[in-house]
Amino acid sequence: MSLHLGDIAPDFEQDSSIGRIKFHEWAGDSWVVLFSHPADFTPVCTTELGLTAKLKDEFAKRNVKAIALSVDPAEKHKDWIKDIEETQNTVVGFPIIADADRTVSTLYDMIHPNQSETATVRSLFVIDPKKKIRLTITYPMSTGRNFDEVLRVIDALQLTDNYTVATPGNWRDGDDVIIPLTVQDEAVIKQKYPKGYTAPRPYLRLTPQPNK
């Protein structure tokens, strides 16, 4: 199954490290970062889940819930969490889905046969409160994810949902943003962007971030 941006994230009910989870119900009105890892008790995954745990406060500020997944069973997840907490000096406060029957992995196309016939690759989905998929990133098994980038893009998504702007390459919260080409009327521009703008080219109009 191929999932596209704007699709409703498939709902599911599955075991996890904190018990049975009904995904849409668990997500509630929050944004969600759903990410898979190949296997428990593996080095790259241990660092990734440790990083995610340490970002608890940053996720909370953005109304984001994190949830991980692998094809290992729930009891193995619970044992592994002890290792994560000890080696990464953190507390894992988010669930890990136990996708032993590969139901969720199949729904979200997380198993790429040219990488592995059985284990999930490093897929990541950002899902908004309306349950729409807003971002997908897929890393190979050998490469750990950049969770600073995950936070950065959530900031961009939430900003562009609330204001008629786009974000330039390498944008970070507080940087100038772009006036979209769909906005051409100067009266509307003055109303929407009272801080003014600079235009190195007619199609490239930069304005201060509106909520700063």
C-alpha atoms as a PDB file:
ATOM      1  CA  MET A   1       0.000   0.000   0.000  1.00  0.00           C
ATOM      2  CA  SER A   2       1.370   3.380  -0.998  1.00  0.00           C
ATOM      3  CA  LEU A   3       0.486   6.313   1.251  1.00  0.00           C
ATOM      4  CA  HIS A   4       0.586   9.877  -0.021  1.00  0.00           C
ATOM      5  CA  LEU A   5       0.712  13.267   1.657  1.00  0.00           C
ATOM      6  CA  GLY A   6      -2.807  14.319   2.577  1.00  0.00           C
ATOM      7  CA  ASP A   7      -4.072  10.757   2.941  1.00  0.00           C
ATOM      8  CA  ILE A   8      -5.794   9.780   6.161  1.00  0.00           C
ATOM      9  CA  ALA A   9      -3.325   7.751   8.230  1.00  0.00           C
ATOM     10  CA  PRO A  10      -4.693   4.189   8.440  1.00  0.00           C
ATOM     11  CA  ASP A  11      -6.234   3.335  11.787  1.00  0.00           C
ATOM     12  CA  PHE A  12      -5.266   0.122  13.561  1.00  0.00           C
ATOM     13  CA  GLU A  13      -5.489  -1.716  16.851  1.00  0.00           C
ATOM     14  CA  GLN A  14      -2.293  -3.389  17.976  1.00  0.00           C
ATOM     15  CA  ASP A  15      -0.330  -4.512  21.033  1.00  0.00           C
ATOM     16  CA  SER A  16       2.348  -2.198  22.395  1.00  0.00           C
ATOM     17  CA  SER A  17       4.726  -1.736  25.296  1.00  0.00           C
ATOM     18  CA  ILE A  18       1.889  -0.047  27.229  1.00  0.00           C
ATOM     19  CA  GLY A  19      -0.897  -2.446  26.227  1.00  0.00           C
ATOM     20  CA  ARG A  20      -3.432  -2.544  23.419  1.00  0.00           C
ATOM     21  CA  ILE A  21      -3.590   0.660  21.362  1.00  0.00           C
ATOM     22  CA  LYS A  22      -6.348   1.906  19.059  1.00  0.00           C
ATOM     23  CA  PHE A  23      -4.279   4.326  17.030  1.00  0.00           C
ATOM     24  CA  HIS A  24      -6.734   7.108  16.140  1.00  0.00           C
ATOM     25  CA  GLU A  25      -8.225   7.022  19.625  1.00  0.00           C
ATOM     26  CA  TRP A  26      -4.760   7.135  21.211  1.00  0.00           C
ATOM     27  CA  ALA A  27      -3.719  10.045  18.952  1.00  0.00           C
ATOM     28  CA  GLY A  28      -6.723  12.148  19.975  1.00  0.00           C
ATOM     29  CA  ASP A  29      -6.321  15.806  19.010  1.00  0.00           C
ATOM     30  CA  SER A  30      -2.522  15.694  18.935  1.00  0.00           C
ATOM     31  CA  TRP A  31       0.007  15.678  16.148  1.00  0.00           C
ATOM     32  CA  VAL A  32       1.762  12.311  15.942  1.00  0.00           C
ATOM     33  CA  VAL A  33       5.246  11.156  14.977  1.00  0.00           C
ATOM     34  CA  LEU A  34       4.964   7.473  14.061  1.00  0.00           C
ATOM     35  CA  PHE A  35       8.326   5.883  13.318  1.00  0.00           C
ATOM     36  CA  SER A  36       9.543   2.348  12.728  1.00  0.00           C
ATOM     37  CA  HIS A  37      12.844   0.724  13.591  1.00  0.00           C
ATOM     38  CA  PRO A  38      14.222  -2.592  12.332  1.00  0.00           C
ATOM     39  CA  ALA A  39      14.563  -4.504  15.617  1.00  0.00           C
ATOM     40  CA  ASP A  40      14.874  -4.312  19.390  1.00  0.00           C
ATOM     41  CA  PHE A  41      18.290  -4.551  21.045  1.00  0.00           C
ATOM     42  CA  THR A  42      20.043  -2.971  18.059  1.00  0.00           C
ATOM     43  CA  PRO A  43      22.503  -0.075  18.402  1.00  0.00           C
ATOM     44  CA  VAL A  44      21.175   2.584  16.005  1.00  0.00           C
ATOM     45  CA  CYS A  45      17.595   2.071  17.186  1.00  0.00           C
ATOM     46  CA  THR A  46      18.660   2.374  20.814  1.00  0.00           C
ATOM     47  CA  THR A  47      20.147   5.823  20.163  1.00  0.00           C
ATOM     48  CA  GLU A  48      17.092   6.938  18.165  1.00  0.00           C
ATOM     49  CA  LEU A  49      14.599   5.986  20.839  1.00  0.00           C
ATOM     50  CA  GLY A  50      16.799   7.610  23.449  1.00  0.00           C
ATOM     51  CA  LEU A  51      16.819  10.848  21.460  1.00  0.00           C
ATOM     52  CA  THR A  52      13.040  10.718  21.066  1.00  0.00           C
ATOM     53  CA  ALA A  53      12.600  10.234  24.807  1.00  0.00           C
ATOM     54  CA  LYS A  54      14.822  13.239  25.536  1.00  0.00           C
ATOM     55  CA  LEU A  55      12.660  15.401  23.243  1.00  0.00           C
ATOM     56  CA  LYS A  56       9.572  14.851  25.405  1.00  0.00           C
ATOM     57  CA  ASP A  57       9.277  18.516  26.394  1.00  0.00           C
ATOM     58  CA  GLU A  58       9.918  19.748  22.844  1.00  0.00           C
ATOM     59  CA  PHE A  59       7.207  17.456  21.498  1.00  0.00           C
ATOM     60  CA  ALA A  60       4.818  18.541  24.260  1.00  0.00           C
ATOM     61  CA  LYS A  61       5.305  22.225  23.350  1.00  0.00           C
ATOM     62  CA  ARG A  62       4.151  21.373  19.838  1.00  0.00           C
ATOM     63  CA  ASN A  63       1.229  19.138  20.904  1.00  0.00           C
ATOM     64  CA  VAL A  64       3.004  16.080  19.479  1.00  0.00           C
ATOM     65  CA  LYS A  65       2.836  12.458  20.604  1.00  0.00           C
ATOM     66  CA  ALA A  66       5.593  10.035  19.601  1.00  0.00           C
ATOM     67  CA  ILE A  67       4.998   6.340  18.953  1.00  0.00           C
ATOM     68  CA  ALA A  68       7.563   3.813  17.718  1.00  0.00           C
ATOM     69  CA  LEU A  69       7.161   0.420  16.046  1.00  0.00           C
ATOM     70  CA  SER A  70       9.023  -2.766  15.304  1.00  0.00           C
ATOM     71  CA  VAL A  71       8.028  -6.319  14.495  1.00  0.00           C
ATOM     72  CA  ASP A  72       9.224  -7.591  17.870  1.00  0.00           C
ATOM     73  CA  PRO A  73       6.693  -8.607  20.574  1.00  0.00           C
ATOM     74  CA  ALA A  74       5.607  -6.353  23.449  1.00  0.00           C
ATOM     75  CA  GLU A  75       7.518  -8.232  26.159  1.00  0.00           C
ATOM     76  CA  LYS A  76      10.745  -7.820  24.232  1.00  0.00           C
ATOM     77  CA  HIS A  77      10.000  -4.092  23.883  1.00  0.00           C
ATOM     78  CA  LYS A  78       9.631  -3.818  27.662  1.00  0.00           C
ATOM     79  CA  ASP A  79      12.983  -5.514  28.260  1.00  0.00           C
ATOM     80  CA  TRP A  80      14.682  -3.330  25.645  1.00  0.00           C
ATOM     81  CA  ILE A  81      13.250  -0.127  27.145  1.00  0.00           C
ATOM     82  CA  LYS A  82      15.283  -0.856  30.288  1.00  0.00           C
ATOM     83  CA  ASP A  83      18.450  -0.904  28.170  1.00  0.00           C
ATOM     84  CA  ILE A  84      17.477   2.307  26.361  1.00  0.00           C
ATOM     85  CA  GLU A  85      16.859   4.125  29.618  1.00  0.00           C
ATOM     86  CA  GLU A  86      20.105   2.933  31.168  1.00  0.00           C
ATOM     87  CA  THR A  87      22.423   3.500  28.207  1.00  0.00           C
ATOM     88  CA  GLN A  88      20.839   6.740  26.954  1.00  0.00           C
ATOM     89  CA  ASN A  89      20.203   8.239  30.405  1.00  0.00           C
ATOM     90  CA  THR A  90      16.531   8.991  29.810  1.00  0.00           C
ATOM     91  CA  VAL A  91      13.001   7.718  30.432  1.00  0.00           C
ATOM     92  CA  VAL A  92      11.022   6.242  27.540  1.00  0.00           C
ATOM     93  CA  GLY A  93       7.622   7.817  28.028  1.00  0.00           C
ATOM     94  CA  PHE A  94       6.088   6.841  24.695  1.00  0.00           C
ATOM     95  CA  PRO A  95       4.724   3.492  23.458  1.00  0.00           C
ATOM     96  CA  ILE A  96       6.423   1.056  21.105  1.00  0.00           C
ATOM     97  CA  ILE A  97       3.999  -0.835  18.881  1.00  0.00           C
ATOM     98  CA  ALA A  98       4.518  -4.607  18.867  1.00  0.00           C
ATOM     99  CA  ASP A  99       3.822  -5.389  15.231  1.00  0.00           C
ATOM    100  CA  ALA A 100       4.657  -9.100  15.368  1.00  0.00           C
ATOM    101  CA  ASP A 101       2.017  -9.962  12.756  1.00  0.00           C
ATOM    102  CA  ARG A 102       3.211  -7.053  10.541  1.00  0.00           C
ATOM    103  CA  THR A 103      -0.295  -5.585  10.262  1.00  0.00           C
ATOM    104  CA  VAL A 104       0.828  -1.997  10.788  1.00  0.00           C
ATOM    105  CA  SER A 105       4.043  -2.459   8.811  1.00  0.00           C
ATOM    106  CA  THR A 106       1.968  -3.548   5.836  1.00  0.00           C
ATOM    107  CA  LEU A 107      -0.578  -0.737   6.219  1.00  0.00           C
ATOM    108  CA  TYR A 108       2.220   1.829   6.234  1.00  0.00           C
ATOM    109  CA  ASP A 109       4.528   0.090   3.716  1.00  0.00           C
ATOM    110  CA  MET A 110       7.379  -0.045   6.216  1.00  0.00           C
ATOM    111  CA  ILE A 111       8.947  -3.282   4.943  1.00  0.00           C
ATOM    112  CA  HIS A 112      11.096  -2.741   1.856  1.00  0.00           C
ATOM    113  CA  PRO A 113      12.106  -6.156   0.483  1.00  0.00           C
ATOM    114  CA  ASN A 114      15.376  -4.949  -1.014  1.00  0.00           C
ATOM    115  CA  GLN A 115      16.447  -3.932   2.507  1.00  0.00           C
ATOM    116  CA  SER A 116      14.866  -6.814   4.425  1.00  0.00           C
ATOM    117  CA  GLU A 117      12.053  -9.280   3.830  1.00  0.00           C
ATOM    118  CA  THR A 118      10.957  -9.164   7.465  1.00  0.00           C
ATOM    119  CA  ALA A 119      12.261  -6.100   9.315  1.00  0.00           C
ATOM    120  CA  THR A 120      10.990  -2.564   8.895  1.00  0.00           C
ATOM    121  CA  VAL A 121      13.145   0.212   7.490  1.00  0.00           C
ATOM    122  CA  ARG A 122      13.365   3.573   9.272  1.00  0.00           C
ATOM    123  CA  SER A 123      10.046   5.039   8.124  1.00  0.00           C
ATOM    124  CA  LEU A 124       8.694   8.166   9.794  1.00  0.00           C
ATOM    125  CA  PHE A 125       5.282   9.785   9.438  1.00  0.00           C
ATOM    126  CA  VAL A 126       4.114  13.130  10.776  1.00  0.00           C
ATOM    127  CA  ILE A 127       0.337  13.030  11.176  1.00  0.00           C
ATOM    128  CA  ASP A 128      -1.807  16.047  12.049  1.00  0.00           C
ATOM    129  CA  PRO A 129      -4.793  16.193  14.448  1.00  0.00           C
ATOM    130  CA  LYS A 130      -7.164  15.524  11.535  1.00  0.00           C
ATOM    131  CA  LYS A 131      -5.264  12.244  11.034  1.00  0.00           C
ATOM    132  CA  LYS A 132      -3.809  13.405   7.714  1.00  0.00           C
ATOM    133  CA  ILE A 133      -0.276  12.396   6.737  1.00  0.00           C
ATOM    134  CA  ARG A 134       1.732  15.609   6.408  1.00  0.00           C
ATOM    135  CA  LEU A 135       5.290  14.307   6.039  1.00  0.00           C
ATOM    136  CA  THR A 136       7.039  11.042   5.250  1.00  0.00           C
ATOM    137  CA  ILE A 137      10.764  10.352   5.599  1.00  0.00           C
ATOM    138  CA  THR A 138      12.423   6.992   4.973  1.00  0.00           C
ATOM    139  CA  TYR A 139      15.961   6.220   6.070  1.00  0.00           C
ATOM    140  CA  PRO A 140      17.928   3.018   5.441  1.00  0.00           C
ATOM    141  CA  MET A 141      18.613   0.659   8.319  1.00  0.00           C
ATOM    142  CA  SER A 142      22.227   1.767   8.674  1.00  0.00           C
ATOM    143  CA  THR A 143      21.492   5.492   9.109  1.00  0.00           C
ATOM    144  CA  GLY A 144      20.002   7.059  12.219  1.00  0.00           C
ATOM    145  CA  ARG A 145      17.431   9.799  11.787  1.00  0.00           C
ATOM    146  CA  ASN A 146      17.909  13.500  12.483  1.00  0.00           C
ATOM    147  CA  PHE A 147      15.250  14.327  15.071  1.00  0.00           C
ATOM    148  CA  ASP A 148      16.150  18.032  14.989  1.00  0.00           C
ATOM    149  CA  GLU A 149      14.837  17.949  11.424  1.00  0.00           C
ATOM    150  CA  VAL A 150      11.623  16.302  12.607  1.00  0.00           C
ATOM    151  CA  LEU A 151      11.045  19.169  15.059  1.00  0.00           C
ATOM    152  CA  ARG A 152      11.974  21.745  12.416  1.00  0.00           C
ATOM    153  CA  VAL A 153       9.473  20.447   9.899  1.00  0.00           C
ATOM    154  CA  ILE A 154       6.711  20.220  12.515  1.00  0.00           C
ATOM    155  CA  ASP A 155       7.371  23.891  13.289  1.00  0.00           C
ATOM    156  CA  ALA A 156       7.088  24.662   9.578  1.00  0.00           C
ATOM    157  CA  LEU A 157       3.888  22.650   9.142  1.00  0.00           C
ATOM    158  CA  GLN A 158       2.211  24.255  12.130  1.00  0.00           C
ATOM    159  CA  LEU A 159       3.277  27.738  11.008  1.00  0.00           C
ATOM    160  CA  THR A 160       2.044  27.302   7.441  1.00  0.00           C
ATOM    161  CA  ASP A 161      -1.246  25.861   8.705  1.00  0.00           C
ATOM    162  CA  ASN A 162      -1.894  29.053  10.672  1.00  0.00           C
ATOM    163  CA  TYR A 163      -0.517  31.666   8.289  1.00  0.00           C
ATOM    164  CA  THR A 164      -0.405  32.107   4.511  1.00  0.00           C
ATOM    165  CA  VAL A 165       3.335  31.599   4.195  1.00  0.00           C
ATOM    166  CA  ALA A 166       5.882  29.066   2.984  1.00  0.00           C
ATOM    167  CA  THR A 167       9.287  28.316   4.505  1.00  0.00           C
ATOM    168  CA  PRO A 168      12.605  28.540   2.629  1.00  0.00           C
ATOM    169  CA  GLY A 169      15.311  25.910   2.625  1.00  0.00           C
ATOM    170  CA  ASN A 170      16.992  25.408   6.011  1.00  0.00           C
ATOM    171  CA  TRP A 171      14.330  27.588   7.659  1.00  0.00           C
ATOM    172  CA  ARG A 172      14.202  27.550  11.447  1.00  0.00           C
ATOM    173  CA  ASP A 173      11.705  29.077  13.818  1.00  0.00           C
ATOM    174  CA  GLY A 174      12.269  32.844  13.840  1.00  0.00           C
ATOM    175  CA  ASP A 175      13.712  33.114  10.319  1.00  0.00           C
ATOM    176  CA  ASP A 176      12.052  35.067   7.510  1.00  0.00           C
ATOM    177  CA  VAL A 177       9.374  33.242   5.545  1.00  0.00           C
ATOM    178  CA  ILE A 178       8.102  33.392   1.968  1.00  0.00           C
ATOM    179  CA  ILE A 179       4.930  34.984   0.620  1.00  0.00           C
ATOM    180  CA  PRO A 180       3.346  32.335  -1.643  1.00  0.00           C
ATOM    181  CA  LEU A 181       2.859  33.100  -5.343  1.00  0.00           C
ATOM    182  CA  THR A 182      -0.881  32.587  -4.859  1.00  0.00           C
ATOM    183  CA  VAL A 183      -0.972  35.955  -3.054  1.00  0.00           C
ATOM    184  CA  GLN A 184      -0.595  38.763  -5.609  1.00  0.00           C
ATOM    185  CA  ASP A 185      -2.999  41.534  -4.605  1.00  0.00           C
ATOM    186  CA  GLU A 186      -0.985  44.323  -2.935  1.00  0.00           C
ATOM    187  CA  ALA A 187      -3.873  45.295  -0.656  1.00  0.00           C
ATOM    188  CA  VAL A 188      -4.077  41.720   0.582  1.00  0.00           C
ATOM    189  CA  ILE A 189      -0.308  41.612   1.013  1.00  0.00           C
ATOM    190  CA  LYS A 190      -0.342  44.738   3.185  1.00  0.00           C
ATOM    191  CA  GLN A 191      -3.108  43.231   5.303  1.00  0.00           C
ATOM    192  CA  LYS A 192      -1.586  39.763   5.682  1.00  0.00           C
ATOM    193  CA  TYR A 193       2.045  40.851   6.022  1.00  0.00           C
ATOM    194  CA  PRO A 194       2.052  44.141   7.965  1.00  0.00           C
ATOM    195  CA  LYS A 195       5.778  43.853   8.678  1.00  0.00           C
ATOM    196  CA  GLY A 196       6.473  44.383   4.972  1.00  0.00           C
ATOM    197  CA  TYR A 197       8.634  42.310   2.658  1.00  0.00           C
ATOM    198  CA  THR A 198      11.732  42.330   0.471  1.00  0.00           C
ATOM    199  CA  ALA A 199      11.720  40.968  -3.064  1.00  0.00           C
ATOM    200  CA  PRO A 200      15.095  40.068  -4.656  1.00  0.00           C
ATOM    201  CA  ARG A 201      12.938  38.838  -7.554  1.00  0.00           C
ATOM    202  CA  PRO A 202       9.210  39.363  -8.208  1.00  0.00           C
ATOM    203  CA  TYR A 203       8.570  35.699  -7.431  1.00  0.00           C
ATOM    204  CA  LEU A 204      10.780  35.652  -4.303  1.00  0.00           C
ATOM    205  CA  ARG A 205       9.220  37.740  -1.536  1.00  0.00           C
ATOM    206  CA  LEU A 206      10.554  37.414   2.002  1.00  0.00           C
ATOM    207  CA  THR A 207       8.736  38.656   5.083  1.00  0.00           C
ATOM    208  CA  PRO A 208       9.407  38.337   8.830  1.00  0.00           C
ATOM    209  CA  GLN A 209       7.777  35.369  10.490  1.00  0.00           C
ATOM    210  CA  PRO A 210       4.269  36.633  11.313  1.00  0.00           C
ATOM    211  CA  ASN A 211       3.965  35.197  14.833  1.00  0.00           C
ATOM    212  CA  LYS A 212       7.270  36.590  16.115  1.00  0.00           C
END
